[in-house]
Protein backbone atom coordinates (compact mmCIF):
# COMPACT_ATOMS: atom_id res chain seq x y z
CA MET A 1 102.42 92.92 120.55
CA ASP A 2 102.98 90.62 117.62
CA ARG A 3 103.72 86.91 117.61
CA ARG A 4 107.46 87.51 117.99
CA THR A 5 107.07 89.54 121.17
CA ALA A 6 104.28 87.52 122.77
CA GLY A 7 105.41 86.22 126.13
CA VAL A 8 108.48 88.45 126.19
CA ARG A 9 108.80 91.06 128.91
CA GLY A 10 105.54 92.96 128.97
CA GLY A 11 104.57 96.22 130.57
CA ALA A 12 105.49 99.75 129.69
CA ARG A 13 109.21 99.06 129.21
CA GLY A 14 108.57 96.12 126.88
CA THR A 15 106.13 98.17 124.83
CA GLN A 16 108.60 101.07 124.66
CA VAL A 17 111.35 98.75 123.45
CA VAL A 18 109.12 97.33 120.71
CA GLU A 19 108.09 100.81 119.56
CA ARG A 20 111.69 102.10 119.60
CA VAL A 21 112.84 99.10 117.59
CA ARG A 22 110.00 99.50 115.08
CA ALA A 23 110.89 103.18 114.66
CA ALA A 24 114.58 102.30 114.28
CA VAL A 25 113.79 99.74 111.57
CA VAL A 26 111.81 102.35 109.63
CA SER A 27 114.67 104.84 110.00
CA GLU A 28 117.37 102.35 109.02
CA MET A 29 115.34 101.13 106.03
CA ALA A 30 114.92 104.72 104.84
CA ALA A 31 118.62 105.45 105.26
CA HIS A 32 120.18 102.20 104.06
CA GLY A 33 117.54 99.99 102.44
CA PHE A 34 117.02 96.38 103.41
CA ASP A 35 120.43 95.21 102.21
CA GLY A 36 122.25 97.96 104.13
CA MET A 37 120.19 97.68 107.28
CA THR A 38 121.96 95.78 110.06
CA ILE A 39 120.74 94.44 113.36
CA ASP A 40 123.60 96.34 115.04
CA GLY A 41 122.43 99.56 113.36
CA VAL A 42 118.85 98.99 114.49
CA ALA A 43 120.03 98.29 118.05
CA ARG A 44 122.08 101.52 118.09
CA ALA A 45 119.22 103.58 116.66
CA ALA A 46 116.73 102.07 119.13
CA GLN A 47 119.19 102.45 122.00
CA VAL A 48 118.85 98.83 123.03
CA ASN A 49 121.32 96.01 123.38
CA ARG A 50 121.89 93.71 120.38
CA THR A 51 120.83 90.79 122.59
CA THR A 52 117.42 92.40 122.99
CA ILE A 53 117.05 92.52 119.22
CA TYR A 54 118.28 88.96 118.59
CA ARG A 55 116.09 87.53 121.37
CA ARG A 56 112.91 88.95 119.85
CA TRP A 57 113.80 89.37 116.17
CA PRO A 58 116.64 87.04 115.15
CA THR A 59 116.71 88.11 111.48
CA LYS A 60 116.29 91.29 109.45
CA ALA A 61 113.12 89.79 107.98
CA ASP A 62 111.75 89.40 111.52
CA LEU A 63 112.51 93.07 112.19
CA LEU A 64 110.68 94.07 109.02
CA ALA A 65 107.74 91.86 109.99
CA ALA A 66 107.54 93.66 113.35
CA VAL A 67 106.98 96.90 111.44
CA VAL A 68 104.43 95.66 108.91
CA GLU A 69 102.39 93.18 110.97
CA PRO A 70 100.05 95.86 112.37
CA LEU A 71 99.31 96.96 108.80
CA LEU A 72 98.63 93.41 107.67
CA ALA A 73 96.14 92.88 110.49
CA ALA A 74 94.19 95.90 109.24
CA PHE A 75 93.94 94.45 105.71
CA ALA A 76 91.73 91.48 106.62
CA ASP A 77 88.14 91.02 105.45
CA GLU A 78 87.80 94.04 103.18
CA ASP A 79 86.42 94.13 99.66
CA LEU A 80 88.95 94.68 96.89
CA LEU A 81 88.30 98.40 96.46
CA ALA A 82 88.54 99.10 100.21
CA LEU A 83 91.72 97.03 100.34
CA VAL A 84 93.31 98.89 97.41
CA ARG A 85 92.46 102.22 99.04
CA ARG A 86 93.79 101.09 102.43
CA VAL A 87 97.10 100.01 100.88
CA ARG A 88 97.27 103.33 99.03
CA ASP A 89 96.56 105.25 102.25
CA THR A 90 99.13 103.32 104.29
CA SER A 91 101.80 103.54 101.58
CA VAL A 92 102.36 107.21 102.35
CA GLY A 93 103.31 106.45 105.97
CA PRO A 94 106.63 105.03 107.11
CA GLU A 95 105.32 101.52 107.82
CA GLY A 96 103.57 101.42 104.46
CA ARG A 97 106.77 102.46 102.69
CA VAL A 98 108.60 99.63 104.47
CA LEU A 99 105.94 97.16 103.29
CA ALA A 100 106.09 98.46 99.71
CA GLU A 101 109.88 98.19 99.75
CA ALA A 102 109.69 94.62 101.05
CA VAL A 103 107.37 93.71 98.17
CA ARG A 104 109.52 95.42 95.55
CA LEU A 105 112.76 93.80 96.70
CA ARG A 106 111.76 90.25 95.80
CA VAL A 107 114.20 88.90 98.39
CA ALA A 108 113.62 85.27 99.35
CA GLU A 109 113.83 85.90 103.09
CA LEU A 110 110.95 88.39 102.80
CA GLY A 111 108.70 85.86 101.08
CA ASP A 112 106.57 85.34 104.20
CA ILE A 113 105.85 89.08 104.51
CA VAL A 114 104.98 89.35 100.83
CA ALA A 115 102.74 86.26 100.96
CA ARG A 116 100.94 87.57 104.06
CA SER A 117 100.42 90.98 102.47
CA PHE A 118 99.04 89.36 99.31
CA ALA A 119 96.66 86.96 101.09
CA PRO A 120 93.93 89.58 101.76
CA PHE A 121 93.93 90.46 98.04
CA ARG A 122 93.48 86.80 97.15
CA ALA A 123 90.59 86.50 99.62
CA ALA A 124 88.93 89.75 98.46
CA ALA A 125 89.19 88.72 94.80
CA ALA A 126 87.71 85.30 95.61
CA ARG A 127 84.81 86.92 97.49
CA ALA A 128 84.17 89.02 94.37
CA GLY A 129 84.11 85.88 92.22
CA ALA A 130 87.47 86.61 90.62
CA GLY A 131 90.63 84.55 90.55
CA GLU A 132 94.30 84.72 91.33
CA MET A 133 95.11 86.95 88.35
CA ALA A 134 92.69 89.67 89.49
CA ALA A 135 94.21 89.56 92.99
CA HIS A 136 97.73 89.72 91.58
CA LEU A 137 96.98 92.65 89.27
CA ALA A 138 95.21 94.67 91.97
CA TYR A 139 97.99 93.99 94.48
CA SER A 140 100.84 94.76 92.09
CA GLY A 141 99.04 97.75 90.65
CA ILE A 142 98.52 99.54 93.95
CA VAL A 143 101.85 98.56 95.49
CA MET A 144 103.77 99.83 92.45
CA TRP A 145 101.56 102.88 91.72
CA GLU A 146 103.64 105.52 93.45
CA GLN A 147 106.85 104.17 91.96
CA MET A 148 105.33 104.36 88.48
CA TYR A 149 103.54 107.71 88.74
CA GLY A 150 105.43 109.53 91.50
CA ARG A 151 102.30 110.00 93.60
CA PRO A 152 99.60 107.94 95.31
CA ALA A 153 96.58 106.86 93.28
CA THR A 154 93.44 108.99 93.57
CA ASP A 155 90.16 107.45 94.73
CA GLU A 156 89.01 107.39 91.11
CA GLU A 157 92.20 105.65 90.01
CA CYS A 158 91.80 103.05 92.78
CA ALA A 159 88.26 102.43 91.57
CA ALA A 160 89.44 102.19 87.96
CA LEU A 161 92.14 99.69 88.98
CA VAL A 162 89.52 97.49 90.62
CA ALA A 163 87.18 97.90 87.64
CA ALA A 164 90.00 96.83 85.32
CA VAL A 165 90.52 93.56 87.22
CA LEU A 166 86.87 92.84 88.11
CA PRO A 167 84.92 93.03 84.86
CA GLY A 168 81.38 94.22 85.38
CA HIS A 169 82.25 96.05 88.58
CA PRO A 170 80.13 99.24 88.65
CA LEU A 171 82.96 101.72 88.83
CA PRO A 172 84.24 104.66 86.77
CA ASP A 173 85.01 104.57 83.08
CA VAL A 174 88.43 102.90 83.08
CA GLN A 175 89.33 104.23 79.62
CA ALA A 176 88.66 107.85 80.67
CA VAL A 177 90.76 107.51 83.83
CA ASP A 178 93.49 105.80 81.82
CA ALA A 179 93.53 108.62 79.29
CA ARG A 180 93.99 111.20 82.09
CA ILE A 181 96.82 109.19 83.63
CA VAL A 182 98.61 108.93 80.27
CA ALA A 183 98.10 112.64 79.61
CA GLY A 184 99.40 113.48 83.09
CA HIS A 185 96.16 115.20 84.12
CA VAL A 186 94.89 114.07 87.47
CA ASP A 187 91.88 115.53 89.18
CA PRO A 188 92.69 116.20 92.85
């Protein structure tokens, strides 16, 4: 359970409620987007009372955080390439799509989620001896990849992205990968 459900009714029923609500948030986000998602709609989809939702997740941002927090916990302490690949891999799942949407929206009330999802990139870039700009470019690049190219990045493209932001990183020839992306030829 995350920080919002800690201390709230535990056991199998509590866990089931949390999982149903998380699934309902994913479904409502897919159907209506963040702006169209309502707490009432999530409660109906999860088959729980509105009071249950408001007690544990008083805002839509809190509901979104309940979905993405497990992903964010998995992002800690990885090097930049592993982190880029993990974000790419999770972006194809429902929780990852919710996280990517939260980042793209640039809505003030989602600032905490965005900041927490960016923090591992900042730490990984710092461990690699790079600064804020490298972290920002790697983060933005992988989060926006599928929107730009209509598909997830390949392993080689992830490596090229990291090589582009960490000069001297022993990774593939960035110019060759870039040329294939521009030409629309991607090796599977």
